[in-house]
Amino acid sequence: MHFDEGVQRFLEKELPGAGAWGIRKLKGDASTREYFRCGVPDSETAILTLYPEPFDPAESTYLQVYRMLRRIGLPIPRIHAVDGDLGVVLQEDLGDMTLERRLRGAGTRERRRLLGQAARHLIVLQRKGPQAADPDWPVLQLAFDLEKLTWELQFFRRHFLEGYSSVRVEREKLASEFLALCGELAEAERFVCHRDYQVRNLMLKEGRVYMIDFQDARLGPQAYDLVSLLLDSIDLPPGEVEELVDFYLQGGAPAVDAGQFRRQFHLAAIQRLLKALGTFGYQAGALGREAYRAYIPGTLERVAATLKTIPEFPYIRALVEAQVAAAGRVSC
């Protein structure tokens, strides 16, 4: 692997000998960042993140949220060095064991233990995060407001329903239900949210759950991150989801009426899962990234099940259930 001269000098300074021994490009996420595992014999490896453009470390949302999370003691990969002019960050290597991967073979007890640990991280984030962030940082300025939540659902309409699935929708009827759904979520009390707190963005190292990909943190509904943890990219039995919601509510979460929280959880689940379908449809349909197709059937089934608990969105429910049926026909 060959970097430009500046990155090579940075790496040799921070991790002498890495270039001679091994640099391996890792599979990235849906962003434009690139990731490399760098190592030398008899030493810990490190992860080099290469951004597409230079950045100002003082203005980097990733570094700002990193400082906030470090201040409140949440487990995140330690940063070794940063060079904004080069667009690089060198940080601790957590290995390859995502929580998603670990849960595939986990029994009920281990699954609840690990997801419970992740839920406790959320409680710490919600209780202590605002006091640990500087007031002018984007994490306390940006929010899941009506505009943002609605934009994400319009993205679902464009890229999943109309783009990926070629469905003709009644836009005014759909927009009316989107407005009702997003309006209630936007009016809820706001807490610091990781924003993508799903099992693919949580790592395991020495039995401890670590948070990654936190650069898009912002304010949002209390239930938002718990929805991501329990419903994104994971198919838990409904009873187990309820038990983990109870665990969160009884484990020191900010005070909230349990009934109101469960309604918010279901509303956030509908919004979040529809948004995810928009992302999967765009990645698979528009960009040709076939791996994202695998996430669509399970996500459809989870949002369809959630819509049965909230009666106010019959048109969204009809559209989703039609897609569930279509996916079933394809798989037969």
C-alpha atoms as a PDB file:
ATOM      1  CA  MET A   1       0.000   0.000   0.000  1.00  0.00           C
ATOM      2  CA  HIS A   2       1.416   3.361  -1.072  1.00  0.00           C
ATOM      3  CA  PHE A   3       0.265   6.694   0.356  1.00  0.00           C
ATOM      4  CA  ASP A   4       1.371  10.116  -0.759  1.00  0.00           C
ATOM      5  CA  GLU A   5       4.650  11.341   0.677  1.00  0.00           C
ATOM      6  CA  GLY A   6       3.088  13.376   3.493  1.00  0.00           C
ATOM      7  CA  VAL A   7       0.989  10.488   4.814  1.00  0.00           C
ATOM      8  CA  GLN A   8       3.988   8.153   4.593  1.00  0.00           C
ATOM      9  CA  ARG A   9       6.090  10.550   6.695  1.00  0.00           C
ATOM     10  CA  PHE A  10       3.252  10.896   9.233  1.00  0.00           C
ATOM     11  CA  LEU A  11       2.894   7.139   9.548  1.00  0.00           C
ATOM     12  CA  GLU A  12       6.630   6.537   9.867  1.00  0.00           C
ATOM     13  CA  LYS A  13       6.829   9.161  12.611  1.00  0.00           C
ATOM     14  CA  GLU A  14       3.865   7.853  14.600  1.00  0.00           C
ATOM     15  CA  LEU A  15       4.282   4.132  13.921  1.00  0.00           C
ATOM     16  CA  PRO A  16       7.899   3.509  12.851  1.00  0.00           C
ATOM     17  CA  GLY A  17       8.327   0.526  10.602  1.00  0.00           C
ATOM     18  CA  ALA A  18       4.654   0.095   9.733  1.00  0.00           C
ATOM     19  CA  GLY A  19       5.206   0.789   6.049  1.00  0.00           C
ATOM     20  CA  ALA A  20       7.790  -1.930   5.792  1.00  0.00           C
ATOM     21  CA  TRP A  21       5.766  -4.569   7.621  1.00  0.00           C
ATOM     22  CA  GLY A  22       2.146  -4.240   6.767  1.00  0.00           C
ATOM     23  CA  ILE A  23      -0.643  -1.870   5.810  1.00  0.00           C
ATOM     24  CA  ARG A  24      -3.966  -3.396   4.861  1.00  0.00           C
ATOM     25  CA  LYS A  25      -6.971  -1.536   3.537  1.00  0.00           C
ATOM     26  CA  LEU A  26     -10.164  -2.348   5.412  1.00  0.00           C
ATOM     27  CA  LYS A  27     -13.695  -2.532   4.163  1.00  0.00           C
ATOM     28  CA  GLY A  28     -15.207   0.891   4.719  1.00  0.00           C
ATOM     29  CA  ASP A  29     -18.687   2.125   5.510  1.00  0.00           C
ATOM     30  CA  ALA A  30     -20.969   4.113   3.228  1.00  0.00           C
ATOM     31  CA  SER A  31     -18.872   7.262   3.685  1.00  0.00           C
ATOM     32  CA  THR A  32     -15.971   8.619   1.639  1.00  0.00           C
ATOM     33  CA  ARG A  33     -13.427   7.868   4.374  1.00  0.00           C
ATOM     34  CA  GLU A  34     -10.854   5.096   3.893  1.00  0.00           C
ATOM     35  CA  TYR A  35      -9.520   2.855   6.651  1.00  0.00           C
ATOM     36  CA  PHE A  36      -6.194   1.022   6.929  1.00  0.00           C
ATOM     37  CA  ARG A  37      -4.788  -1.362   9.540  1.00  0.00           C
ATOM     38  CA  CYS A  38      -1.146  -0.604  10.179  1.00  0.00           C
ATOM     39  CA  GLY A  39       1.232  -2.662  12.278  1.00  0.00           C
ATOM     40  CA  VAL A  40       4.743  -3.709  13.150  1.00  0.00           C
ATOM     41  CA  PRO A  41       5.961  -7.026  14.610  1.00  0.00           C
ATOM     42  CA  ASP A  42       5.460  -7.553  18.351  1.00  0.00           C
ATOM     43  CA  SER A  43       3.408  -4.391  18.695  1.00  0.00           C
ATOM     44  CA  GLU A  44      -0.246  -3.390  18.677  1.00  0.00           C
ATOM     45  CA  THR A  45      -1.705  -2.419  15.337  1.00  0.00           C
ATOM     46  CA  ALA A  46      -3.433   0.911  14.758  1.00  0.00           C
ATOM     47  CA  ILE A  47      -6.141   2.141  12.405  1.00  0.00           C
ATOM     48  CA  LEU A  48      -5.367   4.964   9.989  1.00  0.00           C
ATOM     49  CA  THR A  49      -8.417   6.890   8.804  1.00  0.00           C
ATOM     50  CA  LEU A  50      -7.867   8.840   5.607  1.00  0.00           C
ATOM     51  CA  TYR A  51     -10.351  11.629   4.903  1.00  0.00           C
ATOM     52  CA  PRO A  52     -10.998  12.798   1.329  1.00  0.00           C
ATOM     53  CA  GLU A  53     -10.092  16.394   2.190  1.00  0.00           C
ATOM     54  CA  PRO A  54      -7.964  18.234   4.785  1.00  0.00           C
ATOM     55  CA  PHE A  55      -9.810  19.366   7.904  1.00  0.00           C
ATOM     56  CA  ASP A  56      -9.376  21.722  10.822  1.00  0.00           C
ATOM     57  CA  PRO A  57      -8.989  19.590  13.987  1.00  0.00           C
ATOM     58  CA  ALA A  58     -10.560  22.355  16.065  1.00  0.00           C
ATOM     59  CA  GLU A  59     -13.687  22.231  13.894  1.00  0.00           C
ATOM     60  CA  SER A  60     -13.828  18.457  13.358  1.00  0.00           C
ATOM     61  CA  THR A  61     -17.120  17.084  14.670  1.00  0.00           C
ATOM     62  CA  TYR A  62     -15.478  13.681  15.110  1.00  0.00           C
ATOM     63  CA  LEU A  63     -12.793  15.114  17.383  1.00  0.00           C
ATOM     64  CA  GLN A  64     -15.299  17.236  19.276  1.00  0.00           C
ATOM     65  CA  VAL A  65     -17.555  14.266  20.008  1.00  0.00           C
ATOM     66  CA  TYR A  66     -14.456  12.203  20.824  1.00  0.00           C
ATOM     67  CA  ARG A  67     -13.529  14.706  23.532  1.00  0.00           C
ATOM     68  CA  MET A  68     -17.061  14.710  24.905  1.00  0.00           C
ATOM     69  CA  LEU A  69     -17.193  10.907  25.109  1.00  0.00           C
ATOM     70  CA  ARG A  70     -13.746  10.724  26.709  1.00  0.00           C
ATOM     71  CA  ARG A  71     -14.763  13.279  29.329  1.00  0.00           C
ATOM     72  CA  ILE A  72     -17.715  11.142  30.458  1.00  0.00           C
ATOM     73  CA  GLY A  73     -15.726   7.907  30.413  1.00  0.00           C
ATOM     74  CA  LEU A  74     -17.446   6.036  27.606  1.00  0.00           C
ATOM     75  CA  PRO A  75     -15.343   3.419  25.790  1.00  0.00           C
ATOM     76  CA  ILE A  76     -14.143   4.647  22.399  1.00  0.00           C
ATOM     77  CA  PRO A  77     -10.962   3.983  20.383  1.00  0.00           C
ATOM     78  CA  ARG A  78      -8.097   6.106  21.705  1.00  0.00           C
ATOM     79  CA  ILE A  79      -6.632   8.599  19.227  1.00  0.00           C
ATOM     80  CA  HIS A  80      -2.853   8.430  18.862  1.00  0.00           C
ATOM     81  CA  ALA A  81      -2.257  11.290  16.427  1.00  0.00           C
ATOM     82  CA  VAL A  82      -4.043  13.672  14.061  1.00  0.00           C
ATOM     83  CA  ASP A  83      -2.887  15.713  11.067  1.00  0.00           C
ATOM     84  CA  GLY A  84      -5.679  17.845   9.664  1.00  0.00           C
ATOM     85  CA  ASP A  85      -3.610  19.141   6.731  1.00  0.00           C
ATOM     86  CA  LEU A  86      -3.102  15.555   5.582  1.00  0.00           C
ATOM     87  CA  GLY A  87      -6.648  14.540   6.481  1.00  0.00           C
ATOM     88  CA  VAL A  88      -5.552  11.622   8.691  1.00  0.00           C
ATOM     89  CA  VAL A  89      -6.359  10.240  12.131  1.00  0.00           C
ATOM     90  CA  LEU A  90      -4.383   7.392  13.716  1.00  0.00           C
ATOM     91  CA  GLN A  91      -6.220   5.585  16.478  1.00  0.00           C
ATOM     92  CA  GLU A  92      -6.488   2.450  18.557  1.00  0.00           C
ATOM     93  CA  ASP A  93      -7.295  -0.769  16.727  1.00  0.00           C
ATOM     94  CA  LEU A  94     -10.325  -2.441  18.334  1.00  0.00           C
ATOM     95  CA  GLY A  95     -10.050  -5.544  16.151  1.00  0.00           C
ATOM     96  CA  ASP A  96     -12.709  -7.003  13.865  1.00  0.00           C
ATOM     97  CA  MET A  97     -15.379  -8.210  16.287  1.00  0.00           C
ATOM     98  CA  THR A  98     -18.452  -6.051  15.845  1.00  0.00           C
ATOM     99  CA  LEU A  99     -21.377  -6.529  18.170  1.00  0.00           C
ATOM    100  CA  GLU A 100     -23.416  -7.622  15.146  1.00  0.00           C
ATOM    101  CA  ARG A 101     -20.968 -10.426  14.418  1.00  0.00           C
ATOM    102  CA  ARG A 102     -20.724 -11.528  18.063  1.00  0.00           C
ATOM    103  CA  LEU A 103     -24.485 -11.690  18.492  1.00  0.00           C
ATOM    104  CA  ARG A 104     -24.923 -14.118  15.594  1.00  0.00           C
ATOM    105  CA  GLY A 105     -23.703 -17.021  17.688  1.00  0.00           C
ATOM    106  CA  ALA A 106     -24.580 -15.678  21.122  1.00  0.00           C
ATOM    107  CA  GLY A 107     -27.018 -17.327  23.496  1.00  0.00           C
ATOM    108  CA  THR A 108     -29.825 -15.417  25.178  1.00  0.00           C
ATOM    109  CA  ARG A 109     -27.835 -14.657  28.336  1.00  0.00           C
ATOM    110  CA  GLU A 110     -24.790 -13.312  26.469  1.00  0.00           C
ATOM    111  CA  ARG A 111     -26.978 -11.341  24.072  1.00  0.00           C
ATOM    112  CA  ARG A 112     -28.790  -9.622  26.924  1.00  0.00           C
ATOM    113  CA  ARG A 113     -25.531  -8.940  28.748  1.00  0.00           C
ATOM    114  CA  LEU A 114     -23.914  -7.270  25.744  1.00  0.00           C
ATOM    115  CA  LEU A 115     -26.977  -5.310  24.684  1.00  0.00           C
ATOM    116  CA  GLY A 116     -27.503  -4.317  28.302  1.00  0.00           C
ATOM    117  CA  GLN A 117     -23.953  -2.979  28.434  1.00  0.00           C
ATOM    118  CA  ALA A 118     -24.613  -0.950  25.290  1.00  0.00           C
ATOM    119  CA  ALA A 119     -27.874   0.363  26.770  1.00  0.00           C
ATOM    120  CA  ARG A 120     -26.008   1.501  29.899  1.00  0.00           C
ATOM    121  CA  HIS A 121     -23.644   3.487  27.649  1.00  0.00           C
ATOM    122  CA  LEU A 122     -26.697   5.344  26.328  1.00  0.00           C
ATOM    123  CA  ILE A 123     -27.811   6.233  29.828  1.00  0.00           C
ATOM    124  CA  VAL A 124     -24.387   7.746  30.536  1.00  0.00           C
ATOM    125  CA  LEU A 125     -24.443   9.625  27.230  1.00  0.00           C
ATOM    126  CA  GLN A 126     -27.906  11.059  27.859  1.00  0.00           C
ATOM    127  CA  ARG A 127     -27.222  12.025  31.469  1.00  0.00           C
ATOM    128  CA  LYS A 128     -23.699  13.427  31.159  1.00  0.00           C
ATOM    129  CA  GLY A 129     -23.145  14.268  27.480  1.00  0.00           C
ATOM    130  CA  PRO A 130     -24.514  17.847  27.422  1.00  0.00           C
ATOM    131  CA  GLN A 131     -22.352  18.931  30.359  1.00  0.00           C
ATOM    132  CA  ALA A 132     -19.220  17.500  28.689  1.00  0.00           C
ATOM    133  CA  ALA A 133     -19.658  19.277  25.344  1.00  0.00           C
ATOM    134  CA  ASP A 134     -18.793  22.885  24.590  1.00  0.00           C
ATOM    135  CA  PRO A 135     -22.022  24.865  23.978  1.00  0.00           C
ATOM    136  CA  ASP A 136     -21.042  25.905  20.445  1.00  0.00           C
ATOM    137  CA  TRP A 137     -20.214  22.393  19.209  1.00  0.00           C
ATOM    138  CA  PRO A 138     -22.562  21.003  16.526  1.00  0.00           C
ATOM    139  CA  VAL A 139     -23.519  18.084  18.798  1.00  0.00           C
ATOM    140  CA  LEU A 140     -25.510  20.587  20.880  1.00  0.00           C
ATOM    141  CA  GLN A 141     -26.587  22.767  17.951  1.00  0.00           C
ATOM    142  CA  LEU A 142     -27.834  20.220  15.419  1.00  0.00           C
ATOM    143  CA  ALA A 143     -31.015  18.293  16.120  1.00  0.00           C
ATOM    144  CA  PHE A 144     -33.534  15.872  14.730  1.00  0.00           C
ATOM    145  CA  ASP A 145     -35.966  18.693  14.115  1.00  0.00           C
ATOM    146  CA  LEU A 146     -39.019  18.546  11.888  1.00  0.00           C
ATOM    147  CA  GLU A 147     -37.042  19.461   8.785  1.00  0.00           C
ATOM    148  CA  LYS A 148     -34.369  16.798   9.307  1.00  0.00           C
ATOM    149  CA  LEU A 149     -36.765  13.996  10.243  1.00  0.00           C
ATOM    150  CA  THR A 150     -39.051  14.778   7.306  1.00  0.00           C
ATOM    151  CA  TRP A 151     -36.130  15.013   4.869  1.00  0.00           C
ATOM    152  CA  GLU A 152     -35.048  11.508   5.875  1.00  0.00           C
ATOM    153  CA  LEU A 153     -38.530  10.122   5.163  1.00  0.00           C
ATOM    154  CA  GLN A 154     -38.652  11.880   1.802  1.00  0.00           C
ATOM    155  CA  PHE A 155     -35.314  10.203   1.107  1.00  0.00           C
ATOM    156  CA  PHE A 156     -37.061   6.875   1.844  1.00  0.00           C
ATOM    157  CA  ARG A 157     -39.833   7.777  -0.594  1.00  0.00           C
ATOM    158  CA  ARG A 158     -37.439   8.781  -3.368  1.00  0.00           C
ATOM    159  CA  HIS A 159     -34.806   6.087  -3.035  1.00  0.00           C
ATOM    160  CA  PHE A 160     -36.669   3.076  -1.685  1.00  0.00           C
ATOM    161  CA  LEU A 161     -40.293   3.317  -2.737  1.00  0.00           C
ATOM    162  CA  GLU A 162     -39.979   5.160  -6.053  1.00  0.00           C
ATOM    163  CA  GLY A 163     -36.352   4.350  -6.902  1.00  0.00           C
ATOM    164  CA  TYR A 164     -35.494   0.881  -5.656  1.00  0.00           C
ATOM    165  CA  SER A 165     -39.031  -0.594  -5.651  1.00  0.00           C
ATOM    166  CA  SER A 166     -40.582   1.458  -8.502  1.00  0.00           C
ATOM    167  CA  VAL A 167     -43.759   2.119  -6.491  1.00  0.00           C
ATOM    168  CA  ARG A 168     -46.128   4.904  -7.502  1.00  0.00           C
ATOM    169  CA  VAL A 169     -47.215   6.639  -4.320  1.00  0.00           C
ATOM    170  CA  GLU A 170     -49.877   9.199  -3.446  1.00  0.00           C
ATOM    171  CA  ARG A 171     -47.413  11.868  -2.369  1.00  0.00           C
ATOM    172  CA  GLU A 172     -49.858  14.164  -0.582  1.00  0.00           C
ATOM    173  CA  LYS A 173     -51.290  11.322   1.506  1.00  0.00           C
ATOM    174  CA  LEU A 174     -47.799  10.076   2.329  1.00  0.00           C
ATOM    175  CA  ALA A 175     -46.556  13.576   3.160  1.00  0.00           C
ATOM    176  CA  SER A 176     -49.458  14.081   5.568  1.00  0.00           C
ATOM    177  CA  GLU A 177     -48.566  10.954   7.527  1.00  0.00           C
ATOM    178  CA  PHE A 178     -44.866  11.845   7.446  1.00  0.00           C
ATOM    179  CA  LEU A 179     -45.717  15.251   8.952  1.00  0.00           C
ATOM    180  CA  ALA A 180     -47.754  13.728  11.784  1.00  0.00           C
ATOM    181  CA  LEU A 181     -45.042  11.188  12.597  1.00  0.00           C
ATOM    182  CA  CYS A 182     -42.135  13.610  12.461  1.00  0.00           C
ATOM    183  CA  GLY A 183     -44.024  16.390  14.167  1.00  0.00           C
ATOM    184  CA  GLU A 184     -44.552  14.364  17.326  1.00  0.00           C
ATOM    185  CA  LEU A 185     -40.918  13.236  17.413  1.00  0.00           C
ATOM    186  CA  ALA A 186     -39.619  16.753  16.772  1.00  0.00           C
ATOM    187  CA  GLU A 187     -41.602  18.125  19.729  1.00  0.00           C
ATOM    188  CA  ALA A 188     -40.181  15.579  22.191  1.00  0.00           C
ATOM    189  CA  GLU A 189     -37.570  16.554  24.783  1.00  0.00           C
ATOM    190  CA  ARG A 190     -34.098  16.307  23.221  1.00  0.00           C
ATOM    191  CA  PHE A 191     -31.101  14.321  24.397  1.00  0.00           C
ATOM    192  CA  VAL A 192     -27.640  13.729  22.944  1.00  0.00           C
ATOM    193  CA  CYS A 193     -27.884  10.945  20.347  1.00  0.00           C
ATOM    194  CA  HIS A 194     -25.060   8.961  18.782  1.00  0.00           C
ATOM    195  CA  ARG A 195     -27.324   8.977  15.707  1.00  0.00           C
ATOM    196  CA  ASP A 196     -26.280   5.572  14.321  1.00  0.00           C
ATOM    197  CA  TYR A 197     -26.061   3.447  17.460  1.00  0.00           C
ATOM    198  CA  GLN A 198     -26.562   0.090  15.775  1.00  0.00           C
ATOM    199  CA  VAL A 199     -24.752  -3.181  16.284  1.00  0.00           C
ATOM    200  CA  ARG A 200     -22.443  -2.654  13.292  1.00  0.00           C
ATOM    201  CA  ASN A 201     -21.133   0.530  14.951  1.00  0.00           C
ATOM    202  CA  LEU A 202     -20.320  -1.152  18.249  1.00  0.00           C
ATOM    203  CA  MET A 203     -17.133  -3.155  18.716  1.00  0.00           C
ATOM    204  CA  LEU A 204     -16.043  -5.730  21.267  1.00  0.00           C
ATOM    205  CA  LYS A 205     -12.591  -5.703  22.790  1.00  0.00           C
ATOM    206  CA  GLU A 206     -11.726  -7.776  25.855  1.00  0.00           C
ATOM    207  CA  GLY A 207     -15.409  -8.172  26.674  1.00  0.00           C
ATOM    208  CA  ARG A 208     -16.164  -4.453  26.568  1.00  0.00           C
ATOM    209  CA  VAL A 209     -18.517  -2.728  24.126  1.00  0.00           C
ATOM    210  CA  TYR A 210     -16.912   0.253  22.356  1.00  0.00           C
ATOM    211  CA  MET A 211     -18.610   3.018  20.374  1.00  0.00           C
ATOM    212  CA  ILE A 212     -17.378   4.030  16.909  1.00  0.00           C
ATOM    213  CA  ASP A 213     -18.684   6.217  14.052  1.00  0.00           C
ATOM    214  CA  PHE A 214     -19.967   8.901  16.394  1.00  0.00           C
ATOM    215  CA  GLN A 215     -19.095  11.949  14.282  1.00  0.00           C
ATOM    216  CA  ASP A 216     -22.743  12.673  13.413  1.00  0.00           C
ATOM    217  CA  ALA A 217     -23.966  12.920  17.018  1.00  0.00           C
ATOM    218  CA  ARG A 218     -26.747  15.449  17.564  1.00  0.00           C
ATOM    219  CA  LEU A 219     -29.770  16.125  19.740  1.00  0.00           C
ATOM    220  CA  GLY A 220     -32.873  14.020  19.316  1.00  0.00           C
ATOM    221  CA  PRO A 221     -35.655  12.034  20.997  1.00  0.00           C
ATOM    222  CA  GLN A 222     -34.704  10.012  24.048  1.00  0.00           C
ATOM    223  CA  ALA A 223     -35.693   6.703  22.442  1.00  0.00           C
ATOM    224  CA  TYR A 224     -33.814   7.243  19.162  1.00  0.00           C
ATOM    225  CA  ASP A 225     -30.523   5.491  19.955  1.00  0.00           C
ATOM    226  CA  LEU A 226     -32.239   2.648  21.812  1.00  0.00           C
ATOM    227  CA  VAL A 227     -34.295   1.996  18.690  1.00  0.00           C
ATOM    228  CA  SER A 228     -31.085   1.819  16.646  1.00  0.00           C
ATOM    229  CA  LEU A 229     -29.534  -0.598  19.126  1.00  0.00           C
ATOM    230  CA  LEU A 230     -32.477  -2.995  19.358  1.00  0.00           C
ATOM    231  CA  LEU A 231     -34.019  -2.824  15.877  1.00  0.00           C
ATOM    232  CA  ASP A 232     -31.353  -1.792  13.335  1.00  0.00           C
ATOM    233  CA  SER A 233     -29.587  -4.727  11.648  1.00  0.00           C
ATOM    234  CA  ILE A 234     -30.735  -7.152  14.344  1.00  0.00           C
ATOM    235  CA  ASP A 235     -33.742  -9.457  14.623  1.00  0.00           C
ATOM    236  CA  LEU A 236     -34.577  -9.845  18.308  1.00  0.00           C
ATOM    237  CA  PRO A 237     -37.720 -11.605  19.573  1.00  0.00           C
ATOM    238  CA  PRO A 238     -40.330  -8.967  20.510  1.00  0.00           C
ATOM    239  CA  GLY A 239     -40.324 -10.124  24.131  1.00  0.00           C
ATOM    240  CA  GLU A 240     -36.578  -9.607  24.337  1.00  0.00           C
ATOM    241  CA  VAL A 241     -36.892  -6.088  22.926  1.00  0.00           C
ATOM    242  CA  GLU A 242     -39.455  -5.304  25.639  1.00  0.00           C
ATOM    243  CA  GLU A 243     -37.182  -6.713  28.345  1.00  0.00           C
ATOM    244  CA  LEU A 244     -34.300  -4.535  27.168  1.00  0.00           C
ATOM    245  CA  VAL A 245     -36.529  -1.465  27.040  1.00  0.00           C
ATOM    246  CA  ASP A 246     -37.479  -2.234  30.655  1.00  0.00           C
ATOM    247  CA  PHE A 247     -33.793  -2.688  31.501  1.00  0.00           C
ATOM    248  CA  TYR A 248     -33.052   0.757  30.081  1.00  0.00           C
ATOM    249  CA  LEU A 249     -35.969   2.427  31.888  1.00  0.00           C
ATOM    250  CA  GLN A 250     -35.101   0.830  35.219  1.00  0.00           C
ATOM    251  CA  GLY A 251     -31.330   1.183  34.877  1.00  0.00           C
ATOM    252  CA  GLY A 252     -30.943   4.874  35.577  1.00  0.00           C
ATOM    253  CA  ALA A 253     -32.333   6.391  32.378  1.00  0.00           C
ATOM    254  CA  PRO A 254     -33.481  10.013  32.566  1.00  0.00           C
ATOM    255  CA  ALA A 255     -36.916  10.077  34.203  1.00  0.00           C
ATOM    256  CA  VAL A 256     -39.777   9.540  31.787  1.00  0.00           C
ATOM    257  CA  ASP A 257     -43.278   8.111  31.841  1.00  0.00           C
ATOM    258  CA  ALA A 258     -42.932   4.483  30.729  1.00  0.00           C
ATOM    259  CA  GLY A 259     -46.051   4.557  28.567  1.00  0.00           C
ATOM    260  CA  GLN A 260     -45.019   7.752  26.807  1.00  0.00           C
ATOM    261  CA  PHE A 261     -41.519   6.367  26.282  1.00  0.00           C
ATOM    262  CA  ARG A 262     -42.856   3.208  24.642  1.00  0.00           C
ATOM    263  CA  ARG A 263     -44.979   5.252  22.262  1.00  0.00           C
ATOM    264  CA  GLN A 264     -41.949   7.380  21.406  1.00  0.00           C
ATOM    265  CA  PHE A 265     -39.910   4.192  20.934  1.00  0.00           C
ATOM    266  CA  HIS A 266     -42.429   2.919  18.367  1.00  0.00           C
ATOM    267  CA  LEU A 267     -42.629   6.268  16.564  1.00  0.00           C
ATOM    268  CA  ALA A 268     -38.851   6.550  16.426  1.00  0.00           C
ATOM    269  CA  ALA A 269     -38.649   2.944  15.200  1.00  0.00           C
ATOM    270  CA  ILE A 270     -40.950   3.703  12.272  1.00  0.00           C
ATOM    271  CA  GLN A 271     -39.001   6.817  11.313  1.00  0.00           C
ATOM    272  CA  ARG A 272     -35.577   5.248  11.823  1.00  0.00           C
ATOM    273  CA  LEU A 273     -36.319   2.016   9.964  1.00  0.00           C
ATOM    274  CA  LEU A 274     -37.926   3.818   7.027  1.00  0.00           C
ATOM    275  CA  LYS A 275     -34.869   6.061   6.852  1.00  0.00           C
ATOM    276  CA  ALA A 276     -32.662   2.948   6.855  1.00  0.00           C
ATOM    277  CA  LEU A 277     -34.653   1.475   3.964  1.00  0.00           C
ATOM    278  CA  GLY A 278     -34.016   4.667   2.022  1.00  0.00           C
ATOM    279  CA  THR A 279     -30.287   4.260   2.636  1.00  0.00           C
ATOM    280  CA  PHE A 280     -30.316   0.597   1.641  1.00  0.00           C
ATOM    281  CA  GLY A 281     -32.319   1.336  -1.503  1.00  0.00           C
ATOM    282  CA  TYR A 282     -29.952   4.128  -2.495  1.00  0.00           C
ATOM    283  CA  GLN A 283     -26.799   2.105  -1.833  1.00  0.00           C
ATOM    284  CA  ALA A 284     -28.085  -1.003  -3.643  1.00  0.00           C
ATOM    285  CA  GLY A 285     -30.153   0.589  -6.402  1.00  0.00           C
ATOM    286  CA  ALA A 286     -28.336   3.824  -7.236  1.00  0.00           C
ATOM    287  CA  LEU A 287     -24.755   2.872  -6.318  1.00  0.00           C
ATOM    288  CA  GLY A 288     -24.871  -0.861  -7.064  1.00  0.00           C
ATOM    289  CA  ARG A 289     -23.607  -1.937  -3.643  1.00  0.00           C
ATOM    290  CA  GLU A 290     -25.305  -5.308  -3.574  1.00  0.00           C
ATOM    291  CA  ALA A 291     -24.479  -6.130   0.049  1.00  0.00           C
ATOM    292  CA  TYR A 292     -27.143  -3.668   1.195  1.00  0.00           C
ATOM    293  CA  ARG A 293     -29.943  -5.741  -0.368  1.00  0.00           C
ATOM    294  CA  ALA A 294     -29.533  -8.312   2.387  1.00  0.00           C
ATOM    295  CA  TYR A 295     -30.651  -5.805   5.026  1.00  0.00           C
ATOM    296  CA  ILE A 296     -33.930  -4.923   3.313  1.00  0.00           C
ATOM    297  CA  PRO A 297     -36.243  -7.903   4.087  1.00  0.00           C
ATOM    298  CA  GLY A 298     -35.584  -7.913   7.833  1.00  0.00           C
ATOM    299  CA  THR A 299     -35.937  -4.134   8.075  1.00  0.00           C
ATOM    300  CA  LEU A 300     -39.256  -4.273   6.221  1.00  0.00           C
ATOM    301  CA  GLU A 301     -40.572  -6.921   8.585  1.00  0.00           C
ATOM    302  CA  ARG A 302     -39.533  -4.973  11.682  1.00  0.00           C
ATOM    303  CA  VAL A 303     -41.109  -1.722  10.532  1.00  0.00           C
ATOM    304  CA  ALA A 304     -44.268  -3.584   9.472  1.00  0.00           C
ATOM    305  CA  ALA A 305     -44.539  -5.122  12.944  1.00  0.00           C
ATOM    306  CA  THR A 306     -44.004  -1.722  14.571  1.00  0.00           C
ATOM    307  CA  LEU A 307     -46.658  -0.049  12.409  1.00  0.00           C
ATOM    308  CA  LYS A 308     -49.235  -2.481  13.813  1.00  0.00           C
ATOM    309  CA  THR A 309     -48.750  -0.880  17.245  1.00  0.00           C
ATOM    310  CA  ILE A 310     -49.467   2.676  16.009  1.00  0.00           C
ATOM    311  CA  PRO A 311     -52.815   3.108  14.177  1.00  0.00           C
ATOM    312  CA  GLU A 312     -52.297   6.661  12.870  1.00  0.00           C
ATOM    313  CA  PHE A 313     -50.347   5.754   9.715  1.00  0.00           C
ATOM    314  CA  PRO A 314     -52.524   3.447   7.570  1.00  0.00           C
ATOM    315  CA  TYR A 315     -51.042   4.541   4.240  1.00  0.00           C
ATOM    316  CA  ILE A 316     -47.435   4.014   5.344  1.00  0.00           C
ATOM    317  CA  ARG A 317     -48.481   0.638   6.758  1.00  0.00           C
ATOM    318  CA  ALA A 318     -50.153  -0.389   3.479  1.00  0.00           C
ATOM    319  CA  LEU A 319     -47.070   0.574   1.468  1.00  0.00           C
ATOM    320  CA  VAL A 320     -44.721  -1.301   3.804  1.00  0.00           C
ATOM    321  CA  GLU A 321     -46.884  -4.416   3.971  1.00  0.00           C
ATOM    322  CA  ALA A 322     -47.031  -4.486   0.167  1.00  0.00           C
ATOM    323  CA  GLN A 323     -43.228  -4.444   0.099  1.00  0.00           C
ATOM    324  CA  VAL A 324     -43.071  -7.226   2.692  1.00  0.00           C
ATOM    325  CA  ALA A 325     -45.352  -9.331   0.489  1.00  0.00           C
ATOM    326  CA  ALA A 326     -43.296  -8.530  -2.597  1.00  0.00           C
ATOM    327  CA  ALA A 327     -40.075  -9.494  -0.811  1.00  0.00           C
ATOM    328  CA  GLY A 328     -41.707 -12.761   0.246  1.00  0.00           C
ATOM    329  CA  ARG A 329     -42.648 -13.584  -3.317  1.00  0.00           C
ATOM    330  CA  VAL A 330     -39.117 -12.933  -4.514  1.00  0.00           C
ATOM    331  CA  SER A 331     -37.611 -15.223  -1.867  1.00  0.00           C
ATOM    332  CA  CYS A 332     -39.981 -18.116  -2.645  1.00  0.00           C
END
